[in-house]
Amino acid sequence: MRHTLPAAVAATGLAVLVLVGCSSSPSESDKRYADAVAAADPDDFGGIPTDKLAGTLGSEGRDLCDQLKAGSAASALSYARKGFSDRESAALLSAAVAVYCPDQKGKLSHA
């Protein structure tokens, strides 16, 4: 019983930290990214409030920029397609470039 109580307390503390971390509001750049995604694909993302979409997308835009910087637009789109449709992936990538990595814009014409 002595070993179970600390584990339960630790698990509860971890759950509280996770919930607190999730409740933080998105950064301004994350909000701009969410708005750009919604504008690029209003059918799929347009009806979602900015803060909720930004929170749901999390680091997706920055991750796409990392993929783009390390390779090509095709590789970044392949990365996005693991969780999104072709149209959604294109919207996510174009919004990521607009907000997080405008220096990679030239690679989009080669997609």
PDB file of N, CA and C in Angstrom:
ATOM      1  N   MET A   1       0.816  -1.190   0.000  1.00  0.00           N
ATOM      2  CA  MET A   1       0.000   0.000   0.000  1.00  0.00           C
ATOM      3  C   MET A   1       0.860   1.253   0.000  1.00  0.00           C
ATOM      4  N   ARG A   2       2.011   1.210   0.671  1.00  0.00           N
ATOM      5  CA  ARG A   2       2.866   2.382   0.733  1.00  0.00           C
ATOM      6  C   ARG A   2       3.377   2.766  -0.656  1.00  0.00           C
ATOM      7  N   HIS A   3       3.637   1.781  -1.510  1.00  0.00           N
ATOM      8  CA  HIS A   3       4.146   2.075  -2.849  1.00  0.00           C
ATOM      9  C   HIS A   3       3.040   2.542  -3.790  1.00  0.00           C
ATOM     10  N   THR A   4       1.831   2.150  -3.545  1.00  0.00           N
ATOM     11  CA  THR A   4       0.720   2.522  -4.397  1.00  0.00           C
ATOM     12  C   THR A   4       0.325   3.983  -4.196  1.00  0.00           C
ATOM     13  N   LEU A   5       0.330   4.449  -2.970  1.00  0.00           N
ATOM     14  CA  LEU A   5      -0.086   5.818  -2.694  1.00  0.00           C
ATOM     15  C   LEU A   5       0.803   6.852  -3.376  1.00  0.00           C
ATOM     16  N   PRO A   6       2.127   6.780  -3.266  1.00  0.00           N
ATOM     17  CA  PRO A   6       2.942   7.768  -3.964  1.00  0.00           C
ATOM     18  C   PRO A   6       2.753   7.714  -5.479  1.00  0.00           C
ATOM     19  N   ALA A   7       2.590   6.524  -6.035  1.00  0.00           N
ATOM     20  CA  ALA A   7       2.377   6.409  -7.475  1.00  0.00           C
ATOM     21  C   ALA A   7       1.064   7.076  -7.869  1.00  0.00           C
ATOM     22  N   ALA A   8       0.031   6.872  -7.050  1.00  0.00           N
ATOM     23  CA  ALA A   8      -1.265   7.491  -7.353  1.00  0.00           C
ATOM     24  C   ALA A   8      -1.177   9.004  -7.241  1.00  0.00           C
ATOM     25  N   VAL A   9      -0.471   9.483  -6.229  1.00  0.00           N
ATOM     26  CA  VAL A   9      -0.301  10.923  -6.058  1.00  0.00           C
ATOM     27  C   VAL A   9       0.502  11.488  -7.225  1.00  0.00           C
ATOM     28  N   ALA A  10       1.551  10.799  -7.644  1.00  0.00           N
ATOM     29  CA  ALA A  10       2.360  11.259  -8.767  1.00  0.00           C
ATOM     30  C   ALA A  10       1.541  11.287 -10.051  1.00  0.00           C
ATOM     31  N   ALA A  11       0.736  10.262 -10.264  1.00  0.00           N
ATOM     32  CA  ALA A  11      -0.098  10.217 -11.468  1.00  0.00           C
ATOM     33  C   ALA A  11      -1.111  11.352 -11.466  1.00  0.00           C
ATOM     34  N   THR A  12      -1.688  11.626 -10.304  1.00  0.00           N
ATOM     35  CA  THR A  12      -2.650  12.725 -10.202  1.00  0.00           C
ATOM     36  C   THR A  12      -1.957  14.057 -10.465  1.00  0.00           C
ATOM     37  N   GLY A  13      -0.776  14.239  -9.925  1.00  0.00           N
ATOM     38  CA  GLY A  13      -0.027  15.470 -10.148  1.00  0.00           C
ATOM     39  C   GLY A  13       0.321  15.651 -11.611  1.00  0.00           C
ATOM     40  N   LEU A  14       0.698  14.555 -12.288  1.00  0.00           N
ATOM     41  CA  LEU A  14       1.005  14.623 -13.705  1.00  0.00           C
ATOM     42  C   LEU A  14      -0.235  14.994 -14.501  1.00  0.00           C
ATOM     43  N   ALA A  15      -1.368  14.417 -14.158  1.00  0.00           N
ATOM     44  CA  ALA A  15      -2.618  14.727 -14.855  1.00  0.00           C
ATOM     45  C   ALA A  15      -2.967  16.204 -14.696  1.00  0.00           C
ATOM     46  N   VAL A  16      -2.764  16.742 -13.516  1.00  0.00           N
ATOM     47  CA  VAL A  16      -3.045  18.158 -13.285  1.00  0.00           C
ATOM     48  C   VAL A  16      -2.106  19.023 -14.126  1.00  0.00           C
ATOM     49  N   LEU A  17      -0.823  18.671 -14.200  1.00  0.00           N
ATOM     50  CA  LEU A  17       0.119  19.434 -15.008  1.00  0.00           C
ATOM     51  C   LEU A  17      -0.252  19.380 -16.484  1.00  0.00           C
ATOM     52  N   VAL A  18      -0.664  18.225 -16.962  1.00  0.00           N
ATOM     53  CA  VAL A  18      -1.066  18.095 -18.357  1.00  0.00           C
ATOM     54  C   VAL A  18      -2.278  18.966 -18.632  1.00  0.00           C
ATOM     55  N   LEU A  19      -3.259  18.949 -17.741  1.00  0.00           N
ATOM     56  CA  LEU A  19      -4.454  19.763 -17.940  1.00  0.00           C
ATOM     57  C   LEU A  19      -4.142  21.247 -17.875  1.00  0.00           C
ATOM     58  N   VAL A  20      -3.265  21.640 -16.985  1.00  0.00           N
ATOM     59  CA  VAL A  20      -2.886  23.044 -16.889  1.00  0.00           C
ATOM     60  C   VAL A  20      -2.160  23.464 -18.159  1.00  0.00           C
ATOM     61  N   GLY A  21      -1.269  22.608 -18.667  1.00  0.00           N
ATOM     62  CA  GLY A  21      -0.546  22.915 -19.894  1.00  0.00           C
ATOM     63  C   GLY A  21      -1.478  23.064 -21.074  1.00  0.00           C
ATOM     64  N   CYS A  22      -2.526  22.277 -21.126  1.00  0.00           N
ATOM     65  CA  CYS A  22      -3.462  22.331 -22.239  1.00  0.00           C
ATOM     66  C   CYS A  22      -4.350  23.563 -22.196  1.00  0.00           C
ATOM     67  N   SER A  23      -4.486  24.150 -21.044  1.00  0.00           N
ATOM     68  CA  SER A  23      -5.407  25.272 -20.921  1.00  0.00           C
ATOM     69  C   SER A  23      -4.758  26.609 -21.277  1.00  0.00           C
ATOM     70  N   SER A  24      -3.452  26.605 -21.572  1.00  0.00           N
ATOM     71  CA  SER A  24      -2.813  27.864 -21.913  1.00  0.00           C
ATOM     72  C   SER A  24      -3.334  28.357 -23.256  1.00  0.00           C
ATOM     73  N   SER A  25      -3.398  29.669 -23.389  1.00  0.00           N
ATOM     74  CA  SER A  25      -3.936  30.226 -24.624  1.00  0.00           C
ATOM     75  C   SER A  25      -2.845  30.202 -25.699  1.00  0.00           C
ATOM     76  N   PRO A  26      -3.258  30.071 -26.950  1.00  0.00           N
ATOM     77  CA  PRO A  26      -2.288  30.015 -28.048  1.00  0.00           C
ATOM     78  C   PRO A  26      -1.562  31.350 -28.220  1.00  0.00           C
ATOM     79  N   SER A  27      -0.357  31.280 -28.756  1.00  0.00           N
ATOM     80  CA  SER A  27       0.416  32.490 -29.017  1.00  0.00           C
ATOM     81  C   SER A  27      -0.215  33.263 -30.182  1.00  0.00           C
ATOM     82  N   GLU A  28       0.211  34.487 -30.354  1.00  0.00           N
ATOM     83  CA  GLU A  28      -0.306  35.301 -31.453  1.00  0.00           C
ATOM     84  C   GLU A  28       0.048  34.690 -32.806  1.00  0.00           C
ATOM     85  N   SER A  29       1.263  34.145 -32.933  1.00  0.00           N
ATOM     86  CA  SER A  29       1.634  33.521 -34.212  1.00  0.00           C
ATOM     87  C   SER A  29       0.804  32.262 -34.460  1.00  0.00           C
ATOM     88  N   ASP A  30       0.487  31.515 -33.396  1.00  0.00           N
ATOM     89  CA  ASP A  30      -0.365  30.332 -33.559  1.00  0.00           C
ATOM     90  C   ASP A  30      -1.778  30.740 -33.986  1.00  0.00           C
ATOM     91  N   LYS A  31      -2.250  31.866 -33.482  1.00  0.00           N
ATOM     92  CA  LYS A  31      -3.566  32.366 -33.888  1.00  0.00           C
ATOM     93  C   LYS A  31      -3.546  32.830 -35.350  1.00  0.00           C
ATOM     94  N   ARG A  32      -2.455  33.501 -35.744  1.00  0.00           N
ATOM     95  CA  ARG A  32      -2.335  33.921 -37.145  1.00  0.00           C
ATOM     96  C   ARG A  32      -2.289  32.698 -38.061  1.00  0.00           C
ATOM     97  N   TYR A  33      -1.595  31.663 -37.612  1.00  0.00           N
ATOM     98  CA  TYR A  33      -1.531  30.423 -38.384  1.00  0.00           C
ATOM     99  C   TYR A  33      -2.926  29.810 -38.518  1.00  0.00           C
ATOM    100  N   ALA A  34      -3.656  29.728 -37.435  1.00  0.00           N
ATOM    101  CA  ALA A  34      -5.013  29.161 -37.473  1.00  0.00           C
ATOM    102  C   ALA A  34      -5.903  29.974 -38.409  1.00  0.00           C
ATOM    103  N   ASP A  35      -5.803  31.288 -38.359  1.00  0.00           N
ATOM    104  CA  ASP A  35      -6.588  32.140 -39.256  1.00  0.00           C
ATOM    105  C   ASP A  35      -6.204  31.912 -40.713  1.00  0.00           C
ATOM    106  N   ALA A  36      -4.905  31.763 -40.983  1.00  0.00           N
ATOM    107  CA  ALA A  36      -4.441  31.520 -42.351  1.00  0.00           C
ATOM    108  C   ALA A  36      -4.901  30.154 -42.856  1.00  0.00           C
ATOM    109  N   VAL A  37      -4.892  29.152 -41.982  1.00  0.00           N
ATOM    110  CA  VAL A  37      -5.386  27.819 -42.347  1.00  0.00           C
ATOM    111  C   VAL A  37      -6.866  27.899 -42.687  1.00  0.00           C
ATOM    112  N   ALA A  38      -7.635  28.578 -41.855  1.00  0.00           N
ATOM    113  CA  ALA A  38      -9.079  28.705 -42.082  1.00  0.00           C
ATOM    114  C   ALA A  38      -9.363  29.455 -43.384  1.00  0.00           C
ATOM    115  N   ALA A  39      -8.553  30.461 -43.699  1.00  0.00           N
ATOM    116  CA  ALA A  39      -8.739  31.208 -44.942  1.00  0.00           C
ATOM    117  C   ALA A  39      -8.365  30.361 -46.160  1.00  0.00           C
ATOM    118  N   ALA A  40      -7.338  29.521 -46.014  1.00  0.00           N
ATOM    119  CA  ALA A  40      -6.887  28.678 -47.118  1.00  0.00           C
ATOM    120  C   ALA A  40      -7.836  27.516 -47.393  1.00  0.00           C
ATOM    121  N   ASP A  41      -8.530  27.051 -46.369  1.00  0.00           N
ATOM    122  CA  ASP A  41      -9.468  25.928 -46.533  1.00  0.00           C
ATOM    123  C   ASP A  41     -10.698  26.168 -45.654  1.00  0.00           C
ATOM    124  N   PRO A  42     -11.546  27.124 -46.069  1.00  0.00           N
ATOM    125  CA  PRO A  42     -12.708  27.462 -45.234  1.00  0.00           C
ATOM    126  C   PRO A  42     -13.726  26.330 -45.105  1.00  0.00           C
ATOM    127  N   ASP A  43     -13.778  25.435 -46.079  1.00  0.00           N
ATOM    128  CA  ASP A  43     -14.729  24.325 -45.986  1.00  0.00           C
ATOM    129  C   ASP A  43     -14.410  23.384 -44.828  1.00  0.00           C
ATOM    130  N   ASP A  44     -13.132  23.143 -44.591  1.00  0.00           N
ATOM    131  CA  ASP A  44     -12.737  22.212 -43.537  1.00  0.00           C
ATOM    132  C   ASP A  44     -12.410  22.894 -42.215  1.00  0.00           C
ATOM    133  N   PHE A  45     -11.874  24.108 -42.259  1.00  0.00           N
ATOM    134  CA  PHE A  45     -11.396  24.756 -41.043  1.00  0.00           C
ATOM    135  C   PHE A  45     -12.114  26.061 -40.710  1.00  0.00           C
ATOM    136  N   GLY A  46     -12.903  26.595 -41.631  1.00  0.00           N
ATOM    137  CA  GLY A  46     -13.490  27.915 -41.478  1.00  0.00           C
ATOM    138  C   GLY A  46     -14.450  28.088 -40.313  1.00  0.00           C
ATOM    139  N   GLY A  47     -15.151  27.035 -39.918  1.00  0.00           N
ATOM    140  CA  GLY A  47     -16.138  27.161 -38.850  1.00  0.00           C
ATOM    141  C   GLY A  47     -15.588  26.957 -37.452  1.00  0.00           C
ATOM    142  N   ILE A  48     -14.289  26.750 -37.334  1.00  0.00           N
ATOM    143  CA  ILE A  48     -13.677  26.482 -36.035  1.00  0.00           C
ATOM    144  C   ILE A  48     -13.128  27.785 -35.465  1.00  0.00           C
ATOM    145  N   PRO A  49     -13.498  28.146 -34.234  1.00  0.00           N
ATOM    146  CA  PRO A  49     -12.967  29.377 -33.634  1.00  0.00           C
ATOM    147  C   PRO A  49     -11.429  29.374 -33.608  1.00  0.00           C
ATOM    148  N   THR A  50     -10.846  30.532 -33.804  1.00  0.00           N
ATOM    149  CA  THR A  50      -9.390  30.661 -33.920  1.00  0.00           C
ATOM    150  C   THR A  50      -8.639  30.013 -32.765  1.00  0.00           C
ATOM    151  N   ASP A  51      -9.005  30.325 -31.529  1.00  0.00           N
ATOM    152  CA  ASP A  51      -8.281  29.765 -30.379  1.00  0.00           C
ATOM    153  C   ASP A  51      -8.370  28.240 -30.352  1.00  0.00           C
ATOM    154  N   LYS A  52      -9.536  27.713 -30.657  1.00  0.00           N
ATOM    155  CA  LYS A  52      -9.707  26.253 -30.649  1.00  0.00           C
ATOM    156  C   LYS A  52      -8.883  25.609 -31.765  1.00  0.00           C
ATOM    157  N   LEU A  53      -8.914  26.193 -32.959  1.00  0.00           N
ATOM    158  CA  LEU A  53      -8.142  25.642 -34.069  1.00  0.00           C
ATOM    159  C   LEU A  53      -6.649  25.741 -33.780  1.00  0.00           C
ATOM    160  N   ALA A  54      -6.208  26.874 -33.251  1.00  0.00           N
ATOM    161  CA  ALA A  54      -4.792  27.043 -32.906  1.00  0.00           C
ATOM    162  C   ALA A  54      -4.364  26.015 -31.867  1.00  0.00           C
ATOM    163  N   GLY A  55      -5.197  25.781 -30.875  1.00  0.00           N
ATOM    164  CA  GLY A  55      -4.872  24.789 -29.853  1.00  0.00           C
ATOM    165  C   GLY A  55      -4.850  23.378 -30.404  1.00  0.00           C
ATOM    166  N   THR A  56      -5.750  23.085 -31.318  1.00  0.00           N
ATOM    167  CA  THR A  56      -5.818  21.752 -31.912  1.00  0.00           C
ATOM    168  C   THR A  56      -4.623  21.504 -32.827  1.00  0.00           C
ATOM    169  N   LEU A  57      -4.244  22.496 -33.607  1.00  0.00           N
ATOM    170  CA  LEU A  57      -3.129  22.332 -34.533  1.00  0.00           C
ATOM    171  C   LEU A  57      -1.791  22.288 -33.814  1.00  0.00           C
ATOM    172  N   GLY A  58      -1.718  22.926 -32.664  1.00  0.00           N
ATOM    173  CA  GLY A  58      -0.489  22.896 -31.873  1.00  0.00           C
ATOM    174  C   GLY A  58       0.720  23.352 -32.668  1.00  0.00           C
ATOM    175  N   SER A  59       1.723  22.503 -32.775  1.00  0.00           N
ATOM    176  CA  SER A  59       2.974  22.864 -33.452  1.00  0.00           C
ATOM    177  C   SER A  59       2.995  22.420 -34.911  1.00  0.00           C
ATOM    178  N   GLU A  60       1.852  22.059 -35.458  1.00  0.00           N
ATOM    179  CA  GLU A  60       1.795  21.547 -36.831  1.00  0.00           C
ATOM    180  C   GLU A  60       2.468  22.487 -37.828  1.00  0.00           C
ATOM    181  N   GLY A  61       2.199  23.770 -37.762  1.00  0.00           N
ATOM    182  CA  GLY A  61       2.788  24.717 -38.702  1.00  0.00           C
ATOM    183  C   GLY A  61       4.300  24.786 -38.581  1.00  0.00           C
ATOM    184  N   ARG A  62       4.804  24.836 -37.369  1.00  0.00           N
ATOM    185  CA  ARG A  62       6.259  24.865 -37.169  1.00  0.00           C
ATOM    186  C   ARG A  62       6.882  23.556 -37.626  1.00  0.00           C
ATOM    187  N   ASP A  63       6.198  22.432 -37.381  1.00  0.00           N
ATOM    188  CA  ASP A  63       6.699  21.133 -37.825  1.00  0.00           C
ATOM    189  C   ASP A  63       6.762  21.070 -39.354  1.00  0.00           C
ATOM    190  N   LEU A  64       5.744  21.622 -40.016  1.00  0.00           N
ATOM    191  CA  LEU A  64       5.751  21.644 -41.481  1.00  0.00           C
ATOM    192  C   LEU A  64       6.896  22.499 -42.015  1.00  0.00           C
ATOM    193  N   CYS A  65       7.162  23.618 -41.351  1.00  0.00           N
ATOM    194  CA  CYS A  65       8.305  24.443 -41.765  1.00  0.00           C
ATOM    195  C   CYS A  65       9.610  23.691 -41.582  1.00  0.00           C
ATOM    196  N   ASP A  66       9.735  22.953 -40.505  1.00  0.00           N
ATOM    197  CA  ASP A  66      10.938  22.145 -40.292  1.00  0.00           C
ATOM    198  C   ASP A  66      11.095  21.119 -41.413  1.00  0.00           C
ATOM    199  N   GLN A  67       9.989  20.488 -41.796  1.00  0.00           N
ATOM    200  CA  GLN A  67      10.020  19.513 -42.890  1.00  0.00           C
ATOM    201  C   GLN A  67      10.409  20.201 -44.203  1.00  0.00           C
ATOM    202  N   LEU A  68       9.858  21.362 -44.428  1.00  0.00           N
ATOM    203  CA  LEU A  68      10.141  22.103 -45.653  1.00  0.00           C
ATOM    204  C   LEU A  68      11.604  22.540 -45.702  1.00  0.00           C
ATOM    205  N   LYS A  69      12.119  23.021 -44.605  1.00  0.00           N
ATOM    206  CA  LYS A  69      13.512  23.459 -44.555  1.00  0.00           C
ATOM    207  C   LYS A  69      14.473  22.294 -44.761  1.00  0.00           C
ATOM    208  N   ALA A  70      14.097  21.118 -44.299  1.00  0.00           N
ATOM    209  CA  ALA A  70      14.951  19.942 -44.415  1.00  0.00           C
ATOM    210  C   ALA A  70      14.836  19.261 -45.775  1.00  0.00           C
ATOM    211  N   GLY A  71      13.798  19.603 -46.544  1.00  0.00           N
ATOM    212  CA  GLY A  71      13.604  18.915 -47.811  1.00  0.00           C
ATOM    213  C   GLY A  71      12.861  19.761 -48.811  1.00  0.00           C
ATOM    214  N   SER A  72      11.786  19.201 -49.301  1.00  0.00           N
ATOM    215  CA  SER A  72      11.016  19.855 -50.351  1.00  0.00           C
ATOM    216  C   SER A  72       9.566  20.030 -49.924  1.00  0.00           C
ATOM    217  N   ALA A  73       8.811  20.746 -50.752  1.00  0.00           N
ATOM    218  CA  ALA A  73       7.384  20.901 -50.487  1.00  0.00           C
ATOM    219  C   ALA A  73       6.699  19.538 -50.547  1.00  0.00           C
ATOM    220  N   ALA A  74       7.140  18.685 -51.445  1.00  0.00           N
ATOM    221  CA  ALA A  74       6.544  17.347 -51.560  1.00  0.00           C
ATOM    222  C   ALA A  74       6.742  16.555 -50.266  1.00  0.00           C
ATOM    223  N   SER A  75       7.922  16.653 -49.667  1.00  0.00           N
ATOM    224  CA  SER A  75       8.157  15.912 -48.419  1.00  0.00           C
ATOM    225  C   SER A  75       7.343  16.508 -47.275  1.00  0.00           C
ATOM    226  N   ALA A  76       7.201  17.823 -47.259  1.00  0.00           N
ATOM    227  CA  ALA A  76       6.390  18.462 -46.220  1.00  0.00           C
ATOM    228  C   ALA A  76       4.917  18.084 -46.389  1.00  0.00           C
ATOM    229  N   LEU A  77       4.450  18.037 -47.624  1.00  0.00           N
ATOM    230  CA  LEU A  77       3.057  17.616 -47.867  1.00  0.00           C
ATOM    231  C   LEU A  77       2.844  16.162 -47.471  1.00  0.00           C
ATOM    232  N   SER A  78       3.817  15.315 -47.757  1.00  0.00           N
ATOM    233  CA  SER A  78       3.716  13.906 -47.343  1.00  0.00           C
ATOM    234  C   SER A  78       3.605  13.794 -45.832  1.00  0.00           C
ATOM    235  N   TYR A  79       4.377  14.612 -45.137  1.00  0.00           N
ATOM    236  CA  TYR A  79       4.326  14.635 -43.677  1.00  0.00           C
ATOM    237  C   TYR A  79       2.929  15.042 -43.206  1.00  0.00           C
ATOM    238  N   ALA A  80       2.361  16.085 -43.816  1.00  0.00           N
ATOM    239  CA  ALA A  80       1.033  16.567 -43.409  1.00  0.00           C
ATOM    240  C   ALA A  80      -0.049  15.542 -43.737  1.00  0.00           C
ATOM    241  N   ARG A  81       0.108  14.830 -44.825  1.00  0.00           N
ATOM    242  CA  ARG A  81      -0.907  13.873 -45.263  1.00  0.00           C
ATOM    243  C   ARG A  81      -1.040  12.673 -44.328  1.00  0.00           C
ATOM    244  N   LYS A  82      -0.142  12.552 -43.384  1.00  0.00           N
ATOM    245  CA  LYS A  82      -0.263  11.467 -42.405  1.00  0.00           C
ATOM    246  C   LYS A  82      -1.467  11.669 -41.505  1.00  0.00           C
ATOM    247  N   GLY A  83      -1.967  12.902 -41.424  1.00  0.00           N
ATOM    248  CA  GLY A  83      -3.108  13.170 -40.557  1.00  0.00           C
ATOM    249  C   GLY A  83      -4.203  14.004 -41.203  1.00  0.00           C
ATOM    250  N   PHE A  84      -3.967  14.448 -42.443  1.00  0.00           N
ATOM    251  CA  PHE A  84      -4.913  15.351 -43.085  1.00  0.00           C
ATOM    252  C   PHE A  84      -5.100  14.968 -44.549  1.00  0.00           C
ATOM    253  N   SER A  85      -6.205  15.430 -45.131  1.00  0.00           N
ATOM    254  CA  SER A  85      -6.468  15.193 -46.548  1.00  0.00           C
ATOM    255  C   SER A  85      -5.508  16.020 -47.401  1.00  0.00           C
ATOM    256  N   ASP A  86      -5.512  15.780 -48.716  1.00  0.00           N
ATOM    257  CA  ASP A  86      -4.648  16.547 -49.614  1.00  0.00           C
ATOM    258  C   ASP A  86      -4.956  18.040 -49.536  1.00  0.00           C
ATOM    259  N   ARG A  87      -6.230  18.387 -49.573  1.00  0.00           N
ATOM    260  CA  ARG A  87      -6.623  19.801 -49.528  1.00  0.00           C
ATOM    261  C   ARG A  87      -6.249  20.426 -48.184  1.00  0.00           C
ATOM    262  N   GLU A  88      -6.510  19.723 -47.097  1.00  0.00           N
ATOM    263  CA  GLU A  88      -6.151  20.235 -45.774  1.00  0.00           C
ATOM    264  C   GLU A  88      -4.637  20.407 -45.662  1.00  0.00           C
ATOM    265  N   SER A  89      -3.887  19.433 -46.172  1.00  0.00           N
ATOM    266  CA  SER A  89      -2.424  19.491 -46.109  1.00  0.00           C
ATOM    267  C   SER A  89      -1.885  20.691 -46.861  1.00  0.00           C
ATOM    268  N   ALA A  90      -2.438  20.953 -48.040  1.00  0.00           N
ATOM    269  CA  ALA A  90      -2.004  22.117 -48.817  1.00  0.00           C
ATOM    270  C   ALA A  90      -2.298  23.411 -48.065  1.00  0.00           C
ATOM    271  N   ALA A  91      -3.456  23.486 -47.424  1.00  0.00           N
ATOM    272  CA  ALA A  91      -3.815  24.673 -46.644  1.00  0.00           C
ATOM    273  C   ALA A  91      -2.881  24.837 -45.451  1.00  0.00           C
ATOM    274  N   LEU A  92      -2.593  23.743 -44.773  1.00  0.00           N
ATOM    275  CA  LEU A  92      -1.699  23.802 -43.614  1.00  0.00           C
ATOM    276  C   LEU A  92      -0.305  24.260 -44.025  1.00  0.00           C
ATOM    277  N   LEU A  93       0.187  23.729 -45.145  1.00  0.00           N
ATOM    278  CA  LEU A  93       1.532  24.078 -45.585  1.00  0.00           C
ATOM    279  C   LEU A  93       1.610  25.530 -46.048  1.00  0.00           C
ATOM    280  N   SER A  94       0.647  25.972 -46.833  1.00  0.00           N
ATOM    281  CA  SER A  94       0.708  27.367 -47.306  1.00  0.00           C
ATOM    282  C   SER A  94       0.578  28.342 -46.137  1.00  0.00           C
ATOM    283  N   ALA A  95      -0.258  28.013 -45.162  1.00  0.00           N
ATOM    284  CA  ALA A  95      -0.392  28.871 -43.976  1.00  0.00           C
ATOM    285  C   ALA A  95       0.883  28.856 -43.140  1.00  0.00           C
ATOM    286  N   ALA A  96       1.522  27.692 -43.039  1.00  0.00           N
ATOM    287  CA  ALA A  96       2.771  27.600 -42.274  1.00  0.00           C
ATOM    288  C   ALA A  96       3.842  28.489 -42.884  1.00  0.00           C
ATOM    289  N   VAL A  97       3.945  28.452 -44.202  1.00  0.00           N
ATOM    290  CA  VAL A  97       4.940  29.284 -44.881  1.00  0.00           C
ATOM    291  C   VAL A  97       4.631  30.763 -44.667  1.00  0.00           C
ATOM    292  N   ALA A  98       3.377  31.131 -44.779  1.00  0.00           N
ATOM    293  CA  ALA A  98       2.987  32.534 -44.603  1.00  0.00           C
ATOM    294  C   ALA A  98       3.302  33.045 -43.205  1.00  0.00           C
ATOM    295  N   VAL A  99       3.131  32.208 -42.197  1.00  0.00           N
ATOM    296  CA  VAL A  99       3.278  32.665 -40.815  1.00  0.00           C
ATOM    297  C   VAL A  99       4.647  32.355 -40.215  1.00  0.00           C
ATOM    298  N   TYR A 100       5.133  31.136 -40.393  1.00  0.00           N
ATOM    299  CA  TYR A 100       6.332  30.692 -39.672  1.00  0.00           C
ATOM    300  C   TYR A 100       7.617  30.688 -40.494  1.00  0.00           C
ATOM    301  N   CYS A 101       7.516  30.501 -41.809  1.00  0.00           N
ATOM    302  CA  CYS A 101       8.758  30.394 -42.591  1.00  0.00           C
ATOM    303  C   CYS A 101       8.600  31.000 -43.982  1.00  0.00           C
ATOM    304  N   PRO A 102       8.341  32.303 -44.053  1.00  0.00           N
ATOM    305  CA  PRO A 102       8.163  32.940 -45.356  1.00  0.00           C
ATOM    306  C   PRO A 102       9.388  32.810 -46.273  1.00  0.00           C
ATOM    307  N   ASP A 103      10.548  32.562 -45.684  1.00  0.00           N
ATOM    308  CA  ASP A 103      11.762  32.384 -46.496  1.00  0.00           C
ATOM    309  C   ASP A 103      11.706  31.093 -47.331  1.00  0.00           C
ATOM    310  N   GLN A 104      10.750  30.222 -47.063  1.00  0.00           N
ATOM    311  CA  GLN A 104      10.614  28.965 -47.792  1.00  0.00           C
ATOM    312  C   GLN A 104       9.563  29.044 -48.909  1.00  0.00           C
ATOM    313  N   LYS A 105       9.014  30.222 -49.146  1.00  0.00           N
ATOM    314  CA  LYS A 105       7.921  30.384 -50.106  1.00  0.00           C
ATOM    315  C   LYS A 105       8.281  29.868 -51.494  1.00  0.00           C
ATOM    316  N   GLY A 106       9.514  30.043 -51.911  1.00  0.00           N
ATOM    317  CA  GLY A 106       9.952  29.590 -53.231  1.00  0.00           C
ATOM    318  C   GLY A 106       9.791  28.102 -53.442  1.00  0.00           C
ATOM    319  N   LYS A 107       9.836  27.330 -52.385  1.00  0.00           N
ATOM    320  CA  LYS A 107       9.684  25.876 -52.510  1.00  0.00           C
ATOM    321  C   LYS A 107       8.251  25.470 -52.823  1.00  0.00           C
ATOM    322  N   LEU A 108       7.281  26.339 -52.506  1.00  0.00           N
ATOM    323  CA  LEU A 108       5.879  25.977 -52.749  1.00  0.00           C
ATOM    324  C   LEU A 108       5.553  25.886 -54.232  1.00  0.00           C
ATOM    325  N   SER A 109       6.245  26.655 -55.046  1.00  0.00           N
ATOM    326  CA  SER A 109       5.969  26.602 -56.481  1.00  0.00           C
ATOM    327  C   SER A 109       6.437  25.298 -57.109  1.00  0.00           C
ATOM    328  N   HIS A 110       7.225  24.529 -56.348  1.00  0.00           N
ATOM    329  CA  HIS A 110       7.729  23.248 -56.824  1.00  0.00           C
ATOM    330  C   HIS A 110       6.965  22.081 -56.243  1.00  0.00           C
ATOM    331  N   ALA A 111       5.830  22.337 -55.626  1.00  0.00           N
ATOM    332  CA  ALA A 111       5.072  21.272 -54.947  1.00  0.00           C
ATOM    333  C   ALA A 111       4.373  20.368 -55.931  1.00  0.00           C
TER     334      ALA A 111
END
